[in-house]
C-alpha atoms as a PDB file:
ATOM      1  CA  MET A   1      91.595 105.225 113.112  1.00  0.00           C
ATOM      2  CA  HIS A   2      94.032 104.928 116.248  1.00  0.00           C
ATOM      3  CA  LEU A   3      96.747 107.353 114.524  1.00  0.00           C
ATOM      4  CA  LYS A   4      93.857 109.733 114.435  1.00  0.00           C
ATOM      5  CA  GLN A   5      93.220 109.229 118.031  1.00  0.00           C
ATOM      6  CA  ARG A   6      96.784 109.942 118.698  1.00  0.00           C
ATOM      7  CA  HIS A   7      96.948 112.950 116.767  1.00  0.00           C
ATOM      8  CA  ARG A   8      99.227 111.512 114.252  1.00  0.00           C
ATOM      9  CA  PHE A   9      96.487 111.482 111.246  1.00  0.00           C
ATOM     10  CA  SER A  10      93.989 113.651 109.903  1.00  0.00           C
ATOM     11  CA  TRP A  11      91.738 113.573 107.028  1.00  0.00           C
ATOM     12  CA  THR A  12      93.454 115.410 104.442  1.00  0.00           C
ATOM     13  CA  ARG A  13      92.270 115.239 100.898  1.00  0.00           C
ATOM     14  CA  ALA A  14      95.083 112.847 100.147  1.00  0.00           C
ATOM     15  CA  ASN A  15      94.107 110.414 103.042  1.00  0.00           C
ATOM     16  CA  ARG A  16      90.524 110.628 101.773  1.00  0.00           C
ATOM     17  CA  ALA A  17      91.256 109.695  98.238  1.00  0.00           C
ATOM     18  CA  GLY A  18      93.746 106.873  99.824  1.00  0.00           C
ATOM     19  CA  MET A  19      91.395 105.331 101.987  1.00  0.00           C
ATOM     20  CA  THR A  20      88.609 105.465  99.432  1.00  0.00           C
ATOM     21  CA  ARG A  21      90.949 103.743  97.115  1.00  0.00           C
ATOM     22  CA  MET A  22      91.906 101.207  99.523  1.00  0.00           C
ATOM     23  CA  ILE A  23      88.262 100.128 100.278  1.00  0.00           C
ATOM     24  CA  VAL A  24      86.521 100.836  97.037  1.00  0.00           C
ATOM     25  CA  LYS A  25      89.256  99.562  94.671  1.00  0.00           C
ATOM     26  CA  SER A  26      90.893  97.322  97.113  1.00  0.00           C
ATOM     27  CA  ALA A  27      94.222  98.999  96.173  1.00  0.00           C
ATOM     28  CA  ASN A  28      97.392  98.626  98.577  1.00  0.00           C
ATOM     29  CA  ASP A  29      99.290 102.006  97.481  1.00  0.00           C
ATOM     30  CA  TYR A  30      97.763 103.826 100.591  1.00  0.00           C
ATOM     31  CA  PRO A  31      97.761 100.995 103.157  1.00  0.00           C
ATOM     32  CA  VAL A  32     101.699 100.109 102.309  1.00  0.00           C
ATOM     33  CA  SER A  33     102.497 104.055 102.760  1.00  0.00           C
ATOM     34  CA  VAL A  34     100.663 103.803 105.925  1.00  0.00           C
ATOM     35  CA  LEU A  35     102.671 100.911 107.012  1.00  0.00           C
ATOM     36  CA  GLN A  36     106.078 102.587 105.512  1.00  0.00           C
ATOM     37  CA  ARG A  37     105.259 105.527 107.539  1.00  0.00           C
ATOM     38  CA  HIS A  38     104.171 104.554 110.774  1.00  0.00           C
ATOM     39  CA  GLY A  39     106.214 101.516 110.911  1.00  0.00           C
ATOM     40  CA  ARG A  40     105.062  97.764 110.944  1.00  0.00           C
ATOM     41  CA  ALA A  41     106.145  97.021 114.336  1.00  0.00           C
ATOM     42  CA  SER A  42     104.071  99.947 115.706  1.00  0.00           C
ATOM     43  CA  ILE A  43     100.821  99.112 113.758  1.00  0.00           C
ATOM     44  CA  ASN A  44     101.513  95.210 114.488  1.00  0.00           C
ATOM     45  CA  HIS A  45     101.496  96.072 118.298  1.00  0.00           C
ATOM     46  CA  TRP A  46      98.398  98.090 118.074  1.00  0.00           C
ATOM     47  CA  VAL A  47      96.733  95.585 116.303  1.00  0.00           C
ATOM     48  CA  ALA A  48      97.615  93.008 118.788  1.00  0.00           C
ATOM     49  CA  ALA A  49      96.340  95.473 121.793  1.00  0.00           C
ATOM     50  CA  GLN A  50      93.000  95.388 120.255  1.00  0.00           C
ATOM     51  CA  GLY A  51      92.678  91.697 120.268  1.00  0.00           C
ATOM     52  CA  TYR A  52      92.822  90.933 116.760  1.00  0.00           C
ATOM     53  CA  TYR A  53      95.603  89.088 114.971  1.00  0.00           C
ATOM     54  CA  GLY A  54      98.652  89.903 116.421  1.00  0.00           C
ATOM     55  CA  HIS A  55     101.318  90.118 113.678  1.00  0.00           C
ATOM     56  CA  PRO A  56      99.672  90.661 110.574  1.00  0.00           C
ATOM     57  CA  PHE A  57     102.451  92.696 108.678  1.00  0.00           C
ATOM     58  CA  SER A  58     105.902  91.507 107.942  1.00  0.00           C
ATOM     59  CA  ALA A  59     108.909  92.619 105.727  1.00  0.00           C
ATOM     60  CA  VAL A  60     109.114  88.770 104.679  1.00  0.00           C
ATOM     61  CA  ARG A  61     105.698  87.691 103.705  1.00  0.00           C
ATOM     62  CA  ALA A  62     102.432  88.846 102.171  1.00  0.00           C
ATOM     63  CA  SER A  63     100.163  90.249 105.253  1.00  0.00           C
ATOM     64  CA  ARG A  64      97.829  87.708 106.698  1.00  0.00           C
ATOM     65  CA  THR A  65      94.961  88.100 109.216  1.00  0.00           C
ATOM     66  CA  THR A  66      92.080  85.204 110.155  1.00  0.00           C
ATOM     67  CA  ALA A  67      88.029  85.207 110.073  1.00  0.00           C
ATOM     68  CA  ASN A  68      88.167  85.584 113.579  1.00  0.00           C
ATOM     69  CA  SER A  69      90.227  89.024 113.596  1.00  0.00           C
ATOM     70  CA  LEU A  70      88.369  90.367 110.743  1.00  0.00           C
ATOM     71  CA  VAL A  71      85.294  89.867 112.451  1.00  0.00           C
ATOM     72  CA  LYS A  72      86.295  91.385 115.775  1.00  0.00           C
ATOM     73  CA  VAL A  73      87.119  94.524 113.569  1.00  0.00           C
ATOM     74  CA  LEU A  74      83.644  94.678 111.851  1.00  0.00           C
ATOM     75  CA  LYS A  75      82.192  94.323 115.366  1.00  0.00           C
ATOM     76  CA  ASP A  76      84.142  97.491 116.936  1.00  0.00           C
ATOM     77  CA  LEU A  77      83.187  99.319 113.663  1.00  0.00           C
ATOM     78  CA  GLN A  78      79.367  98.360 113.806  1.00  0.00           C
ATOM     79  CA  LEU A  79      79.653  99.324 117.433  1.00  0.00           C
ATOM     80  CA  GLY A  80      81.448 102.192 117.477  1.00  0.00           C
ATOM     81  CA  GLN A  81      84.025 100.774 119.585  1.00  0.00           C
ATOM     82  CA  GLN A  82      88.068 100.861 119.772  1.00  0.00           C
ATOM     83  CA  ALA A  83      89.476 102.774 116.992  1.00  0.00           C
ATOM     84  CA  PHE A  84      85.753 103.519 115.533  1.00  0.00           C
ATOM     85  CA  ASN A  85      84.770 105.647 118.336  1.00  0.00           C
ATOM     86  CA  ASN A  86      84.266 108.520 116.245  1.00  0.00           C
ATOM     87  CA  ARG A  87      80.812 108.983 114.638  1.00  0.00           C
ATOM     88  CA  GLN A  88      82.061 110.475 111.162  1.00  0.00           C
ATOM     89  CA  ASP A  89      84.775 108.719 110.717  1.00  0.00           C
ATOM     90  CA  ARG A  90      82.628 105.163 111.084  1.00  0.00           C
ATOM     91  CA  ALA A  91      80.159 106.710 108.918  1.00  0.00           C
ATOM     92  CA  PHE A  92      82.918 107.634 106.156  1.00  0.00           C
ATOM     93  CA  ILE A  93      84.204 103.873 106.533  1.00  0.00           C
ATOM     94  CA  LEU A  94      80.843 102.252 106.178  1.00  0.00           C
ATOM     95  CA  SER A  95      79.932 104.405 103.192  1.00  0.00           C
ATOM     96  CA  LEU A  96      83.184 103.390 101.384  1.00  0.00           C
ATOM     97  CA  MET A  97      82.382  99.748 102.124  1.00  0.00           C
ATOM     98  CA  LYS A  98      79.072  99.880 100.763  1.00  0.00           C
ATOM     99  CA  ARG A  99      80.300 101.215  97.875  1.00  0.00           C
ATOM    100  CA  GLN A 100      83.398  99.129  97.210  1.00  0.00           C
ATOM    101  CA  VAL A 101      83.337  97.444  93.641  1.00  0.00           C
ATOM    102  CA  TYR A 102      83.844  93.624  94.226  1.00  0.00           C
ATOM    103  CA  ARG A 103      80.435  92.372  94.581  1.00  0.00           C
ATOM    104  CA  ARG A 104      80.861  88.848  93.603  1.00  0.00           C
ATOM    105  CA  GLY A 105      81.174  87.565  96.736  1.00  0.00           C
ATOM    106  CA  ILE A 106      79.104  87.861 100.485  1.00  0.00           C
ATOM    107  CA  PRO A 107      76.891  90.698  98.535  1.00  0.00           C
ATOM    108  CA  THR A 108      76.131  88.184  95.621  1.00  0.00           C
ATOM    109  CA  GLY A 109      75.390  85.106  97.920  1.00  0.00           C
ATOM    110  CA  VAL A 110      73.237  86.810 100.554  1.00  0.00           C
ATOM    111  CA  ALA A 111      71.433  88.756  97.701  1.00  0.00           C
ATOM    112  CA  ARG A 112      70.586  85.637  96.571  1.00  0.00           C
ATOM    113  CA  ALA A 113      69.360  84.224  99.559  1.00  0.00           C
ATOM    114  CA  ASP A 114      67.440  87.290 100.486  1.00  0.00           C
ATOM    115  CA  LYS A 115      66.716  90.032  98.099  1.00  0.00           C
ATOM    116  CA  GLY A 116      66.918  93.449  99.445  1.00  0.00           C
ATOM    117  CA  THR A 117      69.721  92.330 101.945  1.00  0.00           C
ATOM    118  CA  VAL A 118      72.596  95.185 102.301  1.00  0.00           C
ATOM    119  CA  VAL A 119      76.014  94.511 102.573  1.00  0.00           C
ATOM    120  CA  ARG A 120      79.079  96.866 103.749  1.00  0.00           C
ATOM    121  CA  ASP A 121      81.969  94.880 103.133  1.00  0.00           C
ATOM    122  CA  LYS A 122      85.718  94.924 102.496  1.00  0.00           C
ATOM    123  CA  VAL A 123      87.411  92.571 100.297  1.00  0.00           C
ATOM    124  CA  GLY A 124      91.146  91.261  99.558  1.00  0.00           C
ATOM    125  CA  PHE A 125      92.910  88.975  97.129  1.00  0.00           C
ATOM    126  CA  LEU A 126      96.399  88.171  96.727  1.00  0.00           C
ATOM    127  CA  ASN A 127      97.819  85.055  94.553  1.00  0.00           C
ATOM    128  CA  ASP A 128      95.469  81.852  95.448  1.00  0.00           C
ATOM    129  CA  ASN A 129      93.626  83.598  98.501  1.00  0.00           C
ATOM    130  CA  ASN A 130      90.245  85.690  98.211  1.00  0.00           C
ATOM    131  CA  GLY A 131      88.833  87.117 100.988  1.00  0.00           C
ATOM    132  CA  ASP A 132      85.267  89.154 102.015  1.00  0.00           C
ATOM    133  CA  ALA A 133      84.335  90.449 105.284  1.00  0.00           C
ATOM    134  CA  GLY A 134      81.381  92.625 106.011  1.00  0.00           C
ATOM    135  CA  ILE A 135      78.283  93.780 108.090  1.00  0.00           C
ATOM    136  CA  VAL A 136      75.244  92.158 106.199  1.00  0.00           C
ATOM    137  CA  THR A 137      71.796  94.022 107.226  1.00  0.00           C
ATOM    138  CA  LEU A 138      68.902  91.993 106.292  1.00  0.00           C
ATOM    139  CA  PRO A 139      65.797  93.453 104.662  1.00  0.00           C
ATOM    140  CA  ASN A 140      64.116  93.296 108.196  1.00  0.00           C
ATOM    141  CA  GLY A 141      67.002  95.388 109.864  1.00  0.00           C
ATOM    142  CA  GLN A 142      68.589  92.366 111.437  1.00  0.00           C
ATOM    143  CA  ARG A 143      72.353  92.290 111.083  1.00  0.00           C
ATOM    144  CA  TYR A 144      75.315  89.752 111.301  1.00  0.00           C
ATOM    145  CA  LEU A 145      78.735  89.981 110.620  1.00  0.00           C
ATOM    146  CA  LEU A 146      80.685  87.523 108.180  1.00  0.00           C
ATOM    147  CA  ALA A 147      84.191  86.764 106.818  1.00  0.00           C
ATOM    148  CA  ILE A 148      85.217  84.548 104.697  1.00  0.00           C
ATOM    149  CA  LEU A 149      88.469  83.632 103.493  1.00  0.00           C
ATOM    150  CA  THR A 150      89.507  81.074 100.926  1.00  0.00           C
ATOM    151  CA  TRP A 151      92.688  79.738  99.387  1.00  0.00           C
ATOM    152  CA  GLY A 152      94.210  77.240  97.130  1.00  0.00           C
ATOM    153  CA  ARG A 153      92.210  74.610  95.146  1.00  0.00           C
ATOM    154  CA  GLY A 154      93.270  75.980  91.581  1.00  0.00           C
ATOM    155  CA  GLN A 155      92.291  79.536  92.811  1.00  0.00           C
ATOM    156  CA  HIS A 156      93.626  82.670  91.268  1.00  0.00           C
ATOM    157  CA  GLY A 157      92.702  86.145  90.863  1.00  0.00           C
ATOM    158  CA  PHE A 158      89.128  86.705  91.312  1.00  0.00           C
ATOM    159  CA  SER A 159      88.403  82.856  91.370  1.00  0.00           C
ATOM    160  CA  GLY A 160      87.378  82.440  94.766  1.00  0.00           C
ATOM    161  CA  TYR A 161      84.678  85.032  94.801  1.00  0.00           C
ATOM    162  CA  PRO A 162      81.899  82.603  93.476  1.00  0.00           C
ATOM    163  CA  ARG A 163      83.041  79.990  96.402  1.00  0.00           C
ATOM    164  CA  ILE A 164      82.428  82.700  98.928  1.00  0.00           C
ATOM    165  CA  ALA A 165      79.359  83.803  97.363  1.00  0.00           C
ATOM    166  CA  ARG A 166      77.714  80.034  97.669  1.00  0.00           C
ATOM    167  CA  ILE A 167      79.126  80.012 101.430  1.00  0.00           C
ATOM    168  CA  ALA A 168      77.567  83.451 102.098  1.00  0.00           C
ATOM    169  CA  GLU A 169      73.997  82.182 100.423  1.00  0.00           C
ATOM    170  CA  HIS A 170      74.560  79.069 102.887  1.00  0.00           C
ATOM    171  CA  VAL A 171      75.199  80.870 105.854  1.00  0.00           C
ATOM    172  CA  GLN A 172      72.123  83.218 105.486  1.00  0.00           C
ATOM    173  CA  LYS A 173      69.908  80.559 104.251  1.00  0.00           C
ATOM    174  CA  ILE A 174      70.808  78.388 107.264  1.00  0.00           C
ATOM    175  CA  VAL A 175      70.967  81.237 110.129  1.00  0.00           C
ATOM    176  CA  TYR A 176      68.121  83.168 108.886  1.00  0.00           C
END
């Protein structure tokens, strides 16, 4: 959304559709096109300036991040800070996160621990890496941020999501 703040982005039909595909279905065509259009170096610089993971995008390796960086992004989104200070943009993104189709990670785990828990999350998966990061809202209205990244151990495709669900369930039981 920083591109919008700099008047280099608007919510065209194509941008809304691309953002929807990226968040709801975890499709990569839209973010790849944004990187190509605006440049990895420029976006990496902005990401680092926000205090997030400093060099997520590279032409020679897969994108990477940390759970800490994802939680920082979620915190800014939840509080309406940094790139997420526009209320309408924030509401749109949160609505997409609530609708994303890969619900076997954090949403499954926290619901097992406490039925009625609502999760707005974004997943990522590549080779033996599975990740899920979300804003968790308990039935009593309390909220917390959770990011779980798994890799290796013979994982492939979506096979890490049951592990993510177990971890999320344990976190919720321990903390709440």
